[in-house]
Amino acid sequence: MKKLIFLLVALAAAAVAAVVFWRRKEATELWDSARDTASSWGETAASKAKEVADTVGEAADTAADAAKKAEDAAE
Protein backbone atom coordinates (compact mmCIF):
# COMPACT_ATOMS: atom_id res chain seq x y z
CA MET A 1 0.00 0.00 0.00
CA LYS A 2 2.87 2.37 0.83
CA LYS A 3 4.41 1.67 -2.57
CA LEU A 4 1.13 2.52 -4.32
CA ILE A 5 0.79 5.81 -2.42
CA PHE A 6 4.42 6.67 -3.19
CA LEU A 7 3.83 5.89 -6.87
CA LEU A 8 0.72 8.12 -6.97
CA VAL A 9 2.57 10.96 -5.25
CA ALA A 10 5.49 10.59 -7.67
CA LEU A 11 3.12 10.64 -10.67
CA ALA A 12 1.33 13.71 -9.31
CA ALA A 13 4.68 15.48 -8.78
CA ALA A 14 5.76 14.56 -12.31
CA ALA A 15 2.49 15.90 -13.71
CA VAL A 16 2.89 19.18 -11.82
CA ALA A 17 6.50 19.48 -13.02
CA ALA A 18 5.40 18.81 -16.61
CA VAL A 19 2.70 21.49 -16.43
CA VAL A 20 5.13 24.04 -14.96
CA PHE A 21 7.74 23.22 -17.61
CA TRP A 22 5.15 23.39 -20.41
CA ARG A 23 3.82 26.77 -19.27
CA ARG A 24 7.32 28.16 -18.92
CA LYS A 25 8.14 26.94 -22.43
CA GLU A 26 4.97 28.60 -23.81
CA ALA A 27 5.77 31.84 -21.98
CA THR A 28 9.30 31.84 -23.38
CA GLU A 29 8.00 31.25 -26.90
CA LEU A 30 5.46 34.06 -26.51
CA TRP A 31 8.15 36.40 -25.17
CA ASP A 32 10.48 35.56 -28.07
CA SER A 33 7.67 36.15 -30.53
CA ALA A 34 6.80 39.50 -28.96
CA ARG A 35 10.45 40.54 -28.95
CA ASP A 36 10.83 39.57 -32.63
CA THR A 37 7.69 41.51 -33.51
CA ALA A 38 8.88 44.60 -31.65
CA SER A 39 12.26 44.35 -33.36
CA SER A 40 10.67 44.15 -36.78
CA TRP A 41 8.51 47.16 -35.98
CA GLY A 42 11.61 49.09 -34.93
CA GLU A 43 13.39 48.26 -38.18
CA THR A 44 10.38 49.31 -40.20
CA ALA A 45 9.98 52.53 -38.25
CA ALA A 46 13.67 53.32 -38.65
CA SER A 47 13.59 52.69 -42.39
CA LYS A 48 10.43 54.78 -42.79
CA ALA A 49 11.98 57.61 -40.77
CA LYS A 50 15.02 57.55 -43.06
CA GLU A 51 12.77 57.62 -46.13
CA VAL A 52 10.85 60.61 -44.74
CA ALA A 53 14.09 62.43 -43.90
CA ASP A 54 15.39 61.81 -47.43
CA THR A 55 12.11 63.04 -48.94
CA VAL A 56 12.12 66.18 -46.80
CA GLY A 57 15.73 66.86 -47.79
CA GLU A 58 14.89 66.44 -51.47
CA ALA A 59 11.86 68.71 -51.11
CA ALA A 60 14.00 71.37 -49.44
CA ASP A 61 16.57 71.15 -52.26
CA THR A 62 13.81 71.41 -54.87
CA ALA A 63 12.29 74.42 -53.10
CA ALA A 64 15.71 76.10 -52.92
CA ASP A 65 16.27 75.46 -56.63
CA ALA A 66 12.82 76.86 -57.47
CA ALA A 67 13.48 79.95 -55.35
CA LYS A 68 16.83 80.47 -57.10
CA LYS A 69 15.19 80.13 -60.53
CA ALA A 70 12.43 82.56 -59.55
CA GLU A 71 15.03 85.03 -58.29
CA ASP A 72 17.04 84.71 -61.51
CA ALA A 73 13.90 85.16 -63.60
CA ALA A 74 12.93 88.28 -61.65
CA GLU A 75 16.26 89.94 -62.48
C-alpha atoms as a PDB file:
ATOM      1  CA  MET A   1       0.000   0.000   0.000  1.00  0.00           C
ATOM      2  CA  LYS A   2       2.868   2.372   0.826  1.00  0.00           C
ATOM      3  CA  LYS A   3       4.412   1.672  -2.570  1.00  0.00           C
ATOM      4  CA  LEU A   4       1.129   2.520  -4.318  1.00  0.00           C
ATOM      5  CA  ILE A   5       0.788   5.814  -2.423  1.00  0.00           C
ATOM      6  CA  PHE A   6       4.424   6.670  -3.187  1.00  0.00           C
ATOM      7  CA  LEU A   7       3.827   5.891  -6.867  1.00  0.00           C
ATOM      8  CA  LEU A   8       0.722   8.119  -6.972  1.00  0.00           C
ATOM      9  CA  VAL A   9       2.572  10.964  -5.247  1.00  0.00           C
ATOM     10  CA  ALA A  10       5.489  10.587  -7.672  1.00  0.00           C
ATOM     11  CA  LEU A  11       3.119  10.638 -10.668  1.00  0.00           C
ATOM     12  CA  ALA A  12       1.333  13.710  -9.312  1.00  0.00           C
ATOM     13  CA  ALA A  13       4.682  15.477  -8.776  1.00  0.00           C
ATOM     14  CA  ALA A  14       5.756  14.560 -12.309  1.00  0.00           C
ATOM     15  CA  ALA A  15       2.486  15.900 -13.707  1.00  0.00           C
ATOM     16  CA  VAL A  16       2.891  19.183 -11.823  1.00  0.00           C
ATOM     17  CA  ALA A  17       6.504  19.479 -13.019  1.00  0.00           C
ATOM     18  CA  ALA A  18       5.401  18.813 -16.610  1.00  0.00           C
ATOM     19  CA  VAL A  19       2.698  21.487 -16.426  1.00  0.00           C
ATOM     20  CA  VAL A  20       5.128  24.036 -14.962  1.00  0.00           C
ATOM     21  CA  PHE A  21       7.737  23.218 -17.608  1.00  0.00           C
ATOM     22  CA  TRP A  22       5.151  23.385 -20.414  1.00  0.00           C
ATOM     23  CA  ARG A  23       3.817  26.772 -19.275  1.00  0.00           C
ATOM     24  CA  ARG A  24       7.325  28.159 -18.916  1.00  0.00           C
ATOM     25  CA  LYS A  25       8.135  26.943 -22.428  1.00  0.00           C
ATOM     26  CA  GLU A  26       4.972  28.596 -23.811  1.00  0.00           C
ATOM     27  CA  ALA A  27       5.770  31.838 -21.979  1.00  0.00           C
ATOM     28  CA  THR A  28       9.298  31.837 -23.379  1.00  0.00           C
ATOM     29  CA  GLU A  29       8.003  31.251 -26.896  1.00  0.00           C
ATOM     30  CA  LEU A  30       5.465  34.063 -26.507  1.00  0.00           C
ATOM     31  CA  TRP A  31       8.149  36.401 -25.165  1.00  0.00           C
ATOM     32  CA  ASP A  32      10.483  35.557 -28.070  1.00  0.00           C
ATOM     33  CA  SER A  33       7.672  36.147 -30.532  1.00  0.00           C
ATOM     34  CA  ALA A  34       6.804  39.497 -28.956  1.00  0.00           C
ATOM     35  CA  ARG A  35      10.452  40.542 -28.949  1.00  0.00           C
ATOM     36  CA  ASP A  36      10.831  39.573 -32.630  1.00  0.00           C
ATOM     37  CA  THR A  37       7.689  41.511 -33.506  1.00  0.00           C
ATOM     38  CA  ALA A  38       8.879  44.601 -31.651  1.00  0.00           C
ATOM     39  CA  SER A  39      12.259  44.352 -33.360  1.00  0.00           C
ATOM     40  CA  SER A  40      10.668  44.146 -36.782  1.00  0.00           C
ATOM     41  CA  TRP A  41       8.505  47.162 -35.976  1.00  0.00           C
ATOM     42  CA  GLY A  42      11.610  49.088 -34.928  1.00  0.00           C
ATOM     43  CA  GLU A  43      13.388  48.263 -38.177  1.00  0.00           C
ATOM     44  CA  THR A  44      10.380  49.307 -40.195  1.00  0.00           C
ATOM     45  CA  ALA A  45       9.980  52.530 -38.251  1.00  0.00           C
ATOM     46  CA  ALA A  46      13.666  53.324 -38.651  1.00  0.00           C
ATOM     47  CA  SER A  47      13.592  52.695 -42.391  1.00  0.00           C
ATOM     48  CA  LYS A  48      10.428  54.782 -42.786  1.00  0.00           C
ATOM     49  CA  ALA A  49      11.977  57.609 -40.768  1.00  0.00           C
ATOM     50  CA  LYS A  50      15.018  57.546 -43.064  1.00  0.00           C
ATOM     51  CA  GLU A  51      12.774  57.621 -46.132  1.00  0.00           C
ATOM     52  CA  VAL A  52      10.851  60.606 -44.743  1.00  0.00           C
ATOM     53  CA  ALA A  53      14.085  62.426 -43.904  1.00  0.00           C
ATOM     54  CA  ASP A  54      15.385  61.813 -47.428  1.00  0.00           C
ATOM     55  CA  THR A  55      12.111  63.037 -48.942  1.00  0.00           C
ATOM     56  CA  VAL A  56      12.123  66.182 -46.797  1.00  0.00           C
ATOM     57  CA  GLY A  57      15.731  66.861 -47.790  1.00  0.00           C
ATOM     58  CA  GLU A  58      14.890  66.437 -51.470  1.00  0.00           C
ATOM     59  CA  ALA A  59      11.860  68.709 -51.106  1.00  0.00           C
ATOM     60  CA  ALA A  60      14.003  71.371 -49.440  1.00  0.00           C
ATOM     61  CA  ASP A  61      16.569  71.147 -52.260  1.00  0.00           C
ATOM     62  CA  THR A  62      13.808  71.406 -54.871  1.00  0.00           C
ATOM     63  CA  ALA A  63      12.292  74.423 -53.096  1.00  0.00           C
ATOM     64  CA  ALA A  64      15.707  76.102 -52.916  1.00  0.00           C
ATOM     65  CA  ASP A  65      16.269  75.463 -56.634  1.00  0.00           C
ATOM     66  CA  ALA A  66      12.821  76.860 -57.474  1.00  0.00           C
ATOM     67  CA  ALA A  67      13.477  79.945 -55.355  1.00  0.00           C
ATOM     68  CA  LYS A  68      16.825  80.469 -57.103  1.00  0.00           C
ATOM     69  CA  LYS A  69      15.192  80.128 -60.531  1.00  0.00           C
ATOM     70  CA  ALA A  70      12.426  82.559 -59.546  1.00  0.00           C
ATOM     71  CA  GLU A  71      15.032  85.032 -58.287  1.00  0.00           C
ATOM     72  CA  ASP A  72      17.039  84.710 -61.507  1.00  0.00           C
ATOM     73  CA  ALA A  73      13.900  85.160 -63.600  1.00  0.00           C
ATOM     74  CA  ALA A  74      12.934  88.283 -61.649  1.00  0.00           C
ATOM     75  CA  GLU A  75      16.263  89.942 -62.481  1.00  0.00           C
END
